[in-house]
PDB file of N, CA and C in Angstrom:
ATOM      1  N   UNK A   1     -18.538 -14.404 -59.532  1.00  0.00           N
ATOM      2  CA  UNK A   1     -18.733 -14.196 -58.115  1.00  0.00           C
ATOM      3  C   UNK A   1     -17.374 -14.295 -57.422  1.00  0.00           C
ATOM      4  N   UNK A   2     -17.154 -13.421 -56.463  1.00  0.00           N
ATOM      5  CA  UNK A   2     -15.881 -13.441 -55.750  1.00  0.00           C
ATOM      6  C   UNK A   2     -16.047 -14.069 -54.371  1.00  0.00           C
ATOM      7  N   UNK A   3     -14.970 -14.656 -53.885  1.00  0.00           N
ATOM      8  CA  UNK A   3     -14.954 -15.348 -52.601  1.00  0.00           C
ATOM      9  C   UNK A   3     -13.763 -14.864 -51.784  1.00  0.00           C
ATOM     10  N   UNK A   4     -13.910 -14.901 -50.479  1.00  0.00           N
ATOM     11  CA  UNK A   4     -12.818 -14.624 -49.562  1.00  0.00           C
ATOM     12  C   UNK A   4     -12.221 -15.950 -49.117  1.00  0.00           C
ATOM     13  N   UNK A   5     -10.906 -16.111 -49.252  1.00  0.00           N
ATOM     14  CA  UNK A   5     -10.238 -17.346 -48.839  1.00  0.00           C
ATOM     15  C   UNK A   5     -10.061 -17.294 -47.317  1.00  0.00           C
ATOM     16  N   UNK A   6     -10.701 -18.233 -46.607  1.00  0.00           N
ATOM     17  CA  UNK A   6     -10.610 -18.265 -45.142  1.00  0.00           C
ATOM     18  C   UNK A   6      -9.794 -19.455 -44.642  1.00  0.00           C
ATOM     19  N   UNK A   7      -9.402 -20.346 -45.539  1.00  0.00           N
ATOM     20  CA  UNK A   7      -8.579 -21.483 -45.146  1.00  0.00           C
ATOM     21  C   UNK A   7      -8.040 -22.210 -46.356  1.00  0.00           C
ATOM     22  N   UNK A   8      -6.844 -22.782 -46.209  1.00  0.00           N
ATOM     23  CA  UNK A   8      -6.209 -23.557 -47.276  1.00  0.00           C
ATOM     24  C   UNK A   8      -5.615 -24.815 -46.653  1.00  0.00           C
ATOM     25  N   UNK A   9      -6.000 -25.973 -47.184  1.00  0.00           N
ATOM     26  CA  UNK A   9      -5.430 -27.243 -46.738  1.00  0.00           C
ATOM     27  C   UNK A   9      -4.669 -27.867 -47.896  1.00  0.00           C
ATOM     28  N   UNK A  10      -3.434 -28.280 -47.646  1.00  0.00           N
ATOM     29  CA  UNK A  10      -2.636 -28.975 -48.655  1.00  0.00           C
ATOM     30  C   UNK A  10      -2.790 -30.468 -48.409  1.00  0.00           C
ATOM     31  N   UNK A  11      -3.244 -31.191 -49.409  1.00  0.00           N
ATOM     32  CA  UNK A  11      -3.540 -32.616 -49.269  1.00  0.00           C
ATOM     33  C   UNK A  11      -2.866 -33.424 -50.353  1.00  0.00           C
ATOM     34  N   UNK A  12      -2.858 -34.746 -50.181  1.00  0.00           N
ATOM     35  CA  UNK A  12      -2.371 -35.684 -51.181  1.00  0.00           C
ATOM     36  C   UNK A  12      -3.423 -36.774 -51.351  1.00  0.00           C
ATOM     37  N   UNK A  13      -3.773 -37.073 -52.604  1.00  0.00           N
ATOM     38  CA  UNK A  13      -4.784 -38.096 -52.882  1.00  0.00           C
ATOM     39  C   UNK A  13      -4.203 -39.486 -52.647  1.00  0.00           C
ATOM     40  N   UNK A  14      -5.065 -40.492 -52.675  1.00  0.00           N
ATOM     41  CA  UNK A  14      -4.612 -41.881 -52.529  1.00  0.00           C
ATOM     42  C   UNK A  14      -3.666 -42.274 -53.654  1.00  0.00           C
ATOM     43  N   UNK A  15      -3.844 -41.637 -54.824  1.00  0.00           N
ATOM     44  CA  UNK A  15      -2.981 -41.923 -55.972  1.00  0.00           C
ATOM     45  C   UNK A  15      -1.648 -41.176 -55.890  1.00  0.00           C
ATOM     46  N   UNK A  16      -1.480 -40.335 -54.848  1.00  0.00           N
ATOM     47  CA  UNK A  16      -0.225 -39.623 -54.665  1.00  0.00           C
ATOM     48  C   UNK A  16      -0.153 -38.253 -55.319  1.00  0.00           C
ATOM     49  N   UNK A  17      -1.296 -37.733 -55.826  1.00  0.00           N
ATOM     50  CA  UNK A  17      -1.309 -36.416 -56.459  1.00  0.00           C
ATOM     51  C   UNK A  17      -1.605 -35.347 -55.412  1.00  0.00           C
ATOM     52  N   UNK A  18      -0.884 -34.236 -55.483  1.00  0.00           N
ATOM     53  CA  UNK A  18      -1.114 -33.116 -54.568  1.00  0.00           C
ATOM     54  C   UNK A  18      -2.316 -32.300 -55.027  1.00  0.00           C
ATOM     55  N   UNK A  19      -3.091 -31.821 -54.071  1.00  0.00           N
ATOM     56  CA  UNK A  19      -4.195 -30.908 -54.356  1.00  0.00           C
ATOM     57  C   UNK A  19      -4.400 -30.019 -53.140  1.00  0.00           C
ATOM     58  N   UNK A  20      -5.253 -29.032 -53.301  1.00  0.00           N
ATOM     59  CA  UNK A  20      -5.520 -28.080 -52.233  1.00  0.00           C
ATOM     60  C   UNK A  20      -7.019 -27.981 -52.009  1.00  0.00           C
ATOM     61  N   UNK A  21      -7.413 -27.854 -50.765  1.00  0.00           N
ATOM     62  CA  UNK A  21      -8.807 -27.596 -50.414  1.00  0.00           C
ATOM     63  C   UNK A  21      -8.897 -26.138 -50.005  1.00  0.00           C
ATOM     64  N   UNK A  22      -9.649 -25.359 -50.769  1.00  0.00           N
ATOM     65  CA  UNK A  22      -9.845 -23.951 -50.446  1.00  0.00           C
ATOM     66  C   UNK A  22     -11.151 -23.800 -49.676  1.00  0.00           C
ATOM     67  N   UNK A  23     -11.086 -23.205 -48.513  1.00  0.00           N
ATOM     68  CA  UNK A  23     -12.278 -22.884 -47.732  1.00  0.00           C
ATOM     69  C   UNK A  23     -12.615 -21.430 -48.060  1.00  0.00           C
ATOM     70  N   UNK A  24     -13.823 -21.218 -48.588  1.00  0.00           N
ATOM     71  CA  UNK A  24     -14.204 -19.919 -49.123  1.00  0.00           C
ATOM     72  C   UNK A  24     -15.438 -19.378 -48.421  1.00  0.00           C
ATOM     73  N   UNK A  25     -15.531 -18.072 -48.351  1.00  0.00           N
ATOM     74  CA  UNK A  25     -16.683 -17.406 -47.760  1.00  0.00           C
ATOM     75  C   UNK A  25     -17.206 -16.378 -48.751  1.00  0.00           C
ATOM     76  N   UNK A  26     -18.526 -16.236 -48.814  1.00  0.00           N
ATOM     77  CA  UNK A  26     -19.144 -15.224 -49.670  1.00  0.00           C
ATOM     78  C   UNK A  26     -20.378 -14.668 -48.963  1.00  0.00           C
ATOM     79  N   UNK A  27     -20.660 -13.382 -49.153  1.00  0.00           N
ATOM     80  CA  UNK A  27     -21.828 -12.788 -48.517  1.00  0.00           C
ATOM     81  C   UNK A  27     -23.120 -13.251 -49.198  1.00  0.00           C
ATOM     82  N   UNK A  28     -24.214 -13.255 -48.447  1.00  0.00           N
ATOM     83  CA  UNK A  28     -25.513 -13.562 -49.042  1.00  0.00           C
ATOM     84  C   UNK A  28     -26.601 -12.777 -48.324  1.00  0.00           C
ATOM     85  N   UNK A  29     -27.700 -12.612 -49.025  1.00  0.00           N
ATOM     86  CA  UNK A  29     -28.882 -11.979 -48.452  1.00  0.00           C
ATOM     87  C   UNK A  29     -30.053 -12.900 -48.709  1.00  0.00           C
ATOM     88  N   UNK A  30     -30.795 -13.194 -47.666  1.00  0.00           N
ATOM     89  CA  UNK A  30     -31.942 -14.076 -47.776  1.00  0.00           C
ATOM     90  C   UNK A  30     -33.126 -13.382 -47.113  1.00  0.00           C
ATOM     91  N   UNK A  31     -34.302 -13.365 -47.771  1.00  0.00           N
ATOM     92  CA  UNK A  31     -35.453 -12.673 -47.180  1.00  0.00           C
ATOM     93  C   UNK A  31     -35.866 -13.255 -45.825  1.00  0.00           C
ATOM     94  N   UNK A  32     -35.667 -14.542 -45.630  1.00  0.00           N
ATOM     95  CA  UNK A  32     -36.083 -15.178 -44.381  1.00  0.00           C
ATOM     96  C   UNK A  32     -35.035 -15.033 -43.277  1.00  0.00           C
ATOM     97  N   UNK A  33     -33.747 -15.193 -43.645  1.00  0.00           N
ATOM     98  CA  UNK A  33     -32.682 -15.224 -42.640  1.00  0.00           C
ATOM     99  C   UNK A  33     -31.882 -13.938 -42.539  1.00  0.00           C
ATOM    100  N   UNK A  34     -32.053 -13.012 -43.467  1.00  0.00           N
ATOM    101  CA  UNK A  34     -31.336 -11.750 -43.413  1.00  0.00           C
ATOM    102  C   UNK A  34     -30.007 -11.801 -44.133  1.00  0.00           C
ATOM    103  N   UNK A  35     -29.050 -11.065 -43.603  1.00  0.00           N
ATOM    104  CA  UNK A  35     -27.730 -10.928 -44.220  1.00  0.00           C
ATOM    105  C   UNK A  35     -26.738 -11.781 -43.458  1.00  0.00           C
ATOM    106  N   UNK A  36     -25.834 -12.417 -44.174  1.00  0.00           N
ATOM    107  CA  UNK A  36     -24.825 -13.244 -43.523  1.00  0.00           C
ATOM    108  C   UNK A  36     -23.744 -13.638 -44.503  1.00  0.00           C
ATOM    109  N   UNK A  37     -23.039 -14.686 -44.182  1.00  0.00           N
ATOM    110  CA  UNK A  37     -22.032 -15.203 -45.100  1.00  0.00           C
ATOM    111  C   UNK A  37     -22.171 -16.711 -45.182  1.00  0.00           C
ATOM    112  N   UNK A  38     -21.842 -17.241 -46.344  1.00  0.00           N
ATOM    113  CA  UNK A  38     -21.914 -18.688 -46.550  1.00  0.00           C
ATOM    114  C   UNK A  38     -20.513 -19.173 -46.849  1.00  0.00           C
ATOM    115  N   UNK A  39     -20.227 -20.363 -46.401  1.00  0.00           N
ATOM    116  CA  UNK A  39     -18.907 -20.939 -46.654  1.00  0.00           C
ATOM    117  C   UNK A  39     -19.036 -22.155 -47.561  1.00  0.00           C
ATOM    118  N   UNK A  40     -17.974 -22.425 -48.277  1.00  0.00           N
ATOM    119  CA  UNK A  40     -17.931 -23.593 -49.159  1.00  0.00           C
ATOM    120  C   UNK A  40     -16.496 -24.077 -49.262  1.00  0.00           C
ATOM    121  N   UNK A  41     -16.338 -25.286 -49.791  1.00  0.00           N
ATOM    122  CA  UNK A  41     -15.013 -25.866 -49.992  1.00  0.00           C
ATOM    123  C   UNK A  41     -14.886 -26.239 -51.465  1.00  0.00           C
ATOM    124  N   UNK A  42     -13.759 -25.875 -52.061  1.00  0.00           N
ATOM    125  CA  UNK A  42     -13.468 -26.235 -53.456  1.00  0.00           C
ATOM    126  C   UNK A  42     -12.128 -26.961 -53.503  1.00  0.00           C
ATOM    127  N   UNK A  43     -12.072 -28.008 -54.285  1.00  0.00           N
ATOM    128  CA  UNK A  43     -10.840 -28.767 -54.484  1.00  0.00           C
ATOM    129  C   UNK A  43     -10.134 -28.212 -55.719  1.00  0.00           C
ATOM    130  N   UNK A  44      -8.840 -27.917 -55.582  1.00  0.00           N
ATOM    131  CA  UNK A  44      -8.067 -27.342 -56.674  1.00  0.00           C
ATOM    132  C   UNK A  44      -6.809 -28.184 -56.873  1.00  0.00           C
ATOM    133  N   UNK A  45      -6.579 -28.620 -58.109  1.00  0.00           N
ATOM    134  CA  UNK A  45      -5.374 -29.419 -58.389  1.00  0.00           C
ATOM    135  C   UNK A  45      -4.133 -28.549 -58.264  1.00  0.00           C
ATOM    136  N   UNK A  46      -3.008 -29.190 -58.090  1.00  0.00           N
ATOM    137  CA  UNK A  46      -1.736 -28.485 -57.950  1.00  0.00           C
ATOM    138  C   UNK A  46      -1.424 -27.645 -59.186  1.00  0.00           C
ATOM    139  N   UNK A  47      -1.824 -28.110 -60.368  1.00  0.00           N
ATOM    140  CA  UNK A  47      -1.560 -27.400 -61.617  1.00  0.00           C
ATOM    141  C   UNK A  47      -2.338 -26.089 -61.706  1.00  0.00           C
ATOM    142  N   UNK A  48      -3.523 -26.015 -61.086  1.00  0.00           N
ATOM    143  CA  UNK A  48      -4.391 -24.838 -61.178  1.00  0.00           C
ATOM    144  C   UNK A  48      -4.321 -23.941 -59.951  1.00  0.00           C
ATOM    145  N   UNK A  49      -3.416 -24.244 -59.040  1.00  0.00           N
ATOM    146  CA  UNK A  49      -3.311 -23.496 -57.793  1.00  0.00           C
ATOM    147  C   UNK A  49      -2.237 -22.420 -57.909  1.00  0.00           C
ATOM    148  N   UNK A  50      -2.602 -21.133 -57.741  1.00  0.00           N
ATOM    149  CA  UNK A  50      -1.577 -20.085 -57.802  1.00  0.00           C
ATOM    150  C   UNK A  50      -0.703 -20.109 -56.547  1.00  0.00           C
ATOM    151  N   UNK A  51       0.594 -20.124 -56.729  1.00  0.00           N
ATOM    152  CA  UNK A  51       1.538 -20.250 -55.608  1.00  0.00           C
ATOM    153  C   UNK A  51       1.452 -19.077 -54.637  1.00  0.00           C
ATOM    154  N   UNK A  52       1.058 -17.883 -55.115  1.00  0.00           N
ATOM    155  CA  UNK A  52       1.017 -16.701 -54.267  1.00  0.00           C
ATOM    156  C   UNK A  52      -0.292 -16.559 -53.478  1.00  0.00           C
ATOM    157  N   UNK A  53      -1.203 -17.500 -53.614  1.00  0.00           N
ATOM    158  CA  UNK A  53      -2.490 -17.439 -52.922  1.00  0.00           C
ATOM    159  C   UNK A  53      -2.310 -17.646 -51.429  1.00  0.00           C
ATOM    160  N   UNK A  54      -3.002 -16.817 -50.630  1.00  0.00           N
ATOM    161  CA  UNK A  54      -2.923 -16.965 -49.180  1.00  0.00           C
ATOM    162  C   UNK A  54      -4.270 -16.636 -48.554  1.00  0.00           C
ATOM    163  N   UNK A  55      -4.423 -16.998 -47.298  1.00  0.00           N
ATOM    164  CA  UNK A  55      -5.648 -16.706 -46.556  1.00  0.00           C
ATOM    165  C   UNK A  55      -5.829 -15.197 -46.511  1.00  0.00           C
ATOM    166  N   UNK A  56      -7.070 -14.755 -46.764  1.00  0.00           N
ATOM    167  CA  UNK A  56      -7.372 -13.326 -46.776  1.00  0.00           C
ATOM    168  C   UNK A  56      -7.476 -12.751 -48.169  1.00  0.00           C
ATOM    169  N   UNK A  57      -7.034 -13.502 -49.193  1.00  0.00           N
ATOM    170  CA  UNK A  57      -7.138 -13.043 -50.576  1.00  0.00           C
ATOM    171  C   UNK A  57      -8.571 -13.191 -51.072  1.00  0.00           C
ATOM    172  N   UNK A  58      -8.933 -12.339 -52.021  1.00  0.00           N
ATOM    173  CA  UNK A  58     -10.219 -12.441 -52.701  1.00  0.00           C
ATOM    174  C   UNK A  58      -9.964 -13.100 -54.052  1.00  0.00           C
ATOM    175  N   UNK A  59     -10.780 -14.111 -54.394  1.00  0.00           N
ATOM    176  CA  UNK A  59     -10.546 -14.866 -55.629  1.00  0.00           C
ATOM    177  C   UNK A  59     -11.838 -15.032 -56.431  1.00  0.00           C
ATOM    178  N   UNK A  60     -11.666 -15.280 -57.717  1.00  0.00           N
ATOM    179  CA  UNK A  60     -12.744 -15.731 -58.592  1.00  0.00           C
ATOM    180  C   UNK A  60     -12.312 -17.085 -59.132  1.00  0.00           C
ATOM    181  N   UNK A  61     -13.263 -18.003 -59.276  1.00  0.00           N
ATOM    182  CA  UNK A  61     -12.966 -19.350 -59.737  1.00  0.00           C
ATOM    183  C   UNK A  61     -13.463 -19.555 -61.160  1.00  0.00           C
ATOM    184  N   UNK A  62     -12.679 -20.268 -61.957  1.00  0.00           N
ATOM    185  CA  UNK A  62     -13.095 -20.691 -63.292  1.00  0.00           C
ATOM    186  C   UNK A  62     -13.383 -22.182 -63.223  1.00  0.00           C
ATOM    187  N   UNK A  63     -14.458 -22.600 -63.880  1.00  0.00           N
ATOM    188  CA  UNK A  63     -14.852 -24.001 -63.852  1.00  0.00           C
ATOM    189  C   UNK A  63     -14.776 -24.611 -65.232  1.00  0.00           C
ATOM    190  N   UNK A  64     -14.477 -25.893 -65.275  1.00  0.00           N
ATOM    191  CA  UNK A  64     -14.480 -26.666 -66.505  1.00  0.00           C
ATOM    192  C   UNK A  64     -15.359 -27.890 -66.325  1.00  0.00           C
ATOM    193  N   UNK A  65     -15.563 -28.614 -67.410  1.00  0.00           N
ATOM    194  CA  UNK A  65     -16.389 -29.815 -67.360  1.00  0.00           C
ATOM    195  C   UNK A  65     -15.482 -31.015 -67.183  1.00  0.00           C
ATOM    196  N   UNK A  66     -15.751 -31.790 -66.162  1.00  0.00           N
ATOM    197  CA  UNK A  66     -14.892 -32.924 -65.853  1.00  0.00           C
ATOM    198  C   UNK A  66     -15.579 -34.255 -66.042  1.00  0.00           C
ATOM    199  N   UNK A  67     -15.156 -35.239 -65.275  1.00  0.00           N
ATOM    200  CA  UNK A  67     -15.667 -36.597 -65.346  1.00  0.00           C
ATOM    201  C   UNK A  67     -17.168 -36.624 -65.114  1.00  0.00           C
ATOM    202  N   UNK A  68     -17.912 -37.325 -65.949  1.00  0.00           N
ATOM    203  CA  UNK A  68     -19.373 -37.427 -65.889  1.00  0.00           C
ATOM    204  C   UNK A  68     -20.070 -36.068 -65.960  1.00  0.00           C
ATOM    205  N   UNK A  69     -19.426 -35.082 -66.575  1.00  0.00           N
ATOM    206  CA  UNK A  69     -20.039 -33.766 -66.745  1.00  0.00           C
ATOM    207  C   UNK A  69     -20.038 -32.904 -65.496  1.00  0.00           C
ATOM    208  N   UNK A  70     -19.368 -33.345 -64.447  1.00  0.00           N
ATOM    209  CA  UNK A  70     -19.324 -32.566 -63.213  1.00  0.00           C
ATOM    210  C   UNK A  70     -18.329 -31.413 -63.357  1.00  0.00           C
ATOM    211  N   UNK A  71     -18.654 -30.300 -62.726  1.00  0.00           N
ATOM    212  CA  UNK A  71     -17.785 -29.130 -62.777  1.00  0.00           C
ATOM    213  C   UNK A  71     -16.572 -29.328 -61.880  1.00  0.00           C
ATOM    214  N   UNK A  72     -15.437 -28.789 -62.314  1.00  0.00           N
ATOM    215  CA  UNK A  72     -14.233 -28.791 -61.492  1.00  0.00           C
ATOM    216  C   UNK A  72     -13.542 -27.447 -61.670  1.00  0.00           C
ATOM    217  N   UNK A  73     -12.776 -27.042 -60.690  1.00  0.00           N
ATOM    218  CA  UNK A  73     -12.073 -25.763 -60.747  1.00  0.00           C
ATOM    219  C   UNK A  73     -10.850 -25.925 -61.644  1.00  0.00           C
ATOM    220  N   UNK A  74     -10.807 -25.127 -62.725  1.00  0.00           N
ATOM    221  CA  UNK A  74      -9.644 -25.192 -63.618  1.00  0.00           C
ATOM    222  C   UNK A  74      -8.880 -23.872 -63.646  1.00  0.00           C
ATOM    223  N   UNK A  75      -9.191 -22.991 -62.709  1.00  0.00           N
ATOM    224  CA  UNK A  75      -8.458 -21.736 -62.609  1.00  0.00           C
ATOM    225  C   UNK A  75      -8.874 -20.944 -61.393  1.00  0.00           C
ATOM    226  N   UNK A  76      -7.893 -20.321 -60.742  1.00  0.00           N
ATOM    227  CA  UNK A  76      -8.148 -19.465 -59.583  1.00  0.00           C
ATOM    228  C   UNK A  76      -7.512 -18.117 -59.888  1.00  0.00           C
ATOM    229  N   UNK A  77      -8.330 -17.063 -59.941  1.00  0.00           N
ATOM    230  CA  UNK A  77      -7.831 -15.721 -60.226  1.00  0.00           C
ATOM    231  C   UNK A  77      -7.869 -14.890 -58.946  1.00  0.00           C
ATOM    232  N   UNK A  78      -6.722 -14.375 -58.545  1.00  0.00           N
ATOM    233  CA  UNK A  78      -6.658 -13.518 -57.365  1.00  0.00           C
ATOM    234  C   UNK A  78      -7.072 -12.115 -57.779  1.00  0.00           C
ATOM    235  N   UNK A  79      -7.996 -11.539 -57.016  1.00  0.00           N
ATOM    236  CA  UNK A  79      -8.515 -10.201 -57.312  1.00  0.00           C
ATOM    237  C   UNK A  79      -7.867  -9.220 -56.352  1.00  0.00           C
ATOM    238  N   UNK A  80      -7.343  -8.150 -56.890  1.00  0.00           N
ATOM    239  CA  UNK A  80      -6.723  -7.113 -56.068  1.00  0.00           C
ATOM    240  C   UNK A  80      -7.778  -6.046 -55.768  1.00  0.00           C
ATOM    241  N   UNK A  81      -8.596  -6.308 -54.760  1.00  0.00           N
ATOM    242  CA  UNK A  81      -9.636  -5.364 -54.353  1.00  0.00           C
ATOM    243  C   UNK A  81      -9.879  -5.523 -52.868  1.00  0.00           C
ATOM    244  N   UNK A  82     -10.805  -4.750 -52.362  1.00  0.00           N
ATOM    245  CA  UNK A  82     -11.149  -4.852 -50.951  1.00  0.00           C
ATOM    246  C   UNK A  82     -11.760  -6.216 -50.662  1.00  0.00           C
ATOM    247  N   UNK A  83     -11.580  -6.672 -49.449  1.00  0.00           N
ATOM    248  CA  UNK A  83     -12.159  -7.932 -49.002  1.00  0.00           C
ATOM    249  C   UNK A  83     -13.670  -7.767 -48.892  1.00  0.00           C
ATOM    250  N   UNK A  84     -14.467  -8.729 -49.404  1.00  0.00           N
ATOM    251  CA  UNK A  84     -15.915  -8.605 -49.267  1.00  0.00           C
ATOM    252  C   UNK A  84     -16.310  -8.638 -47.799  1.00  0.00           C
ATOM    253  N   UNK A  85     -17.201  -7.758 -47.429  1.00  0.00           N
ATOM    254  CA  UNK A  85     -17.649  -7.702 -46.040  1.00  0.00           C
ATOM    255  C   UNK A  85     -19.164  -7.860 -45.985  1.00  0.00           C
ATOM    256  N   UNK A  86     -19.649  -8.138 -44.811  1.00  0.00           N
ATOM    257  CA  UNK A  86     -21.078  -8.308 -44.589  1.00  0.00           C
ATOM    258  C   UNK A  86     -21.562  -7.159 -43.710  1.00  0.00           C
ATOM    259  N   UNK A  87     -22.610  -6.466 -44.152  1.00  0.00           N
ATOM    260  CA  UNK A  87     -23.184  -5.396 -43.338  1.00  0.00           C
ATOM    261  C   UNK A  87     -23.890  -5.999 -42.141  1.00  0.00           C
ATOM    262  N   UNK A  88     -23.715  -5.373 -40.990  1.00  0.00           N
ATOM    263  CA  UNK A  88     -24.331  -5.854 -39.763  1.00  0.00           C
ATOM    264  C   UNK A  88     -25.482  -4.920 -39.412  1.00  0.00           C
ATOM    265  N   UNK A  89     -26.657  -5.490 -39.173  1.00  0.00           N
ATOM    266  CA  UNK A  89     -27.813  -4.684 -38.765  1.00  0.00           C
ATOM    267  C   UNK A  89     -27.622  -4.226 -37.339  1.00  0.00           C
ATOM    268  N   UNK A  90     -27.978  -2.986 -37.080  1.00  0.00           N
ATOM    269  CA  UNK A  90     -27.879  -2.434 -35.721  1.00  0.00           C
ATOM    270  C   UNK A  90     -29.223  -2.035 -35.209  1.00  0.00           C
TER     271      UNK A  90
END
């Protein structure tokens, strides 16, 4: 699944490690609510963050198994394609 990057926050953990918070948007269709977009936030370590990533890029995320079996982002792939858009009903 691809996401549109709508925000990037550079943060530092209490332990002093750098990480990034990616604010992502993706289109959705729901029979009850119609067509729209959903947003989410993913935490990405400095090691897995591509330096050329910027707001407006389309990305795909790779996940790995982390502490207590929880998923974590272990790769961000920038996709060179059109930005995902949401059709508007008229």
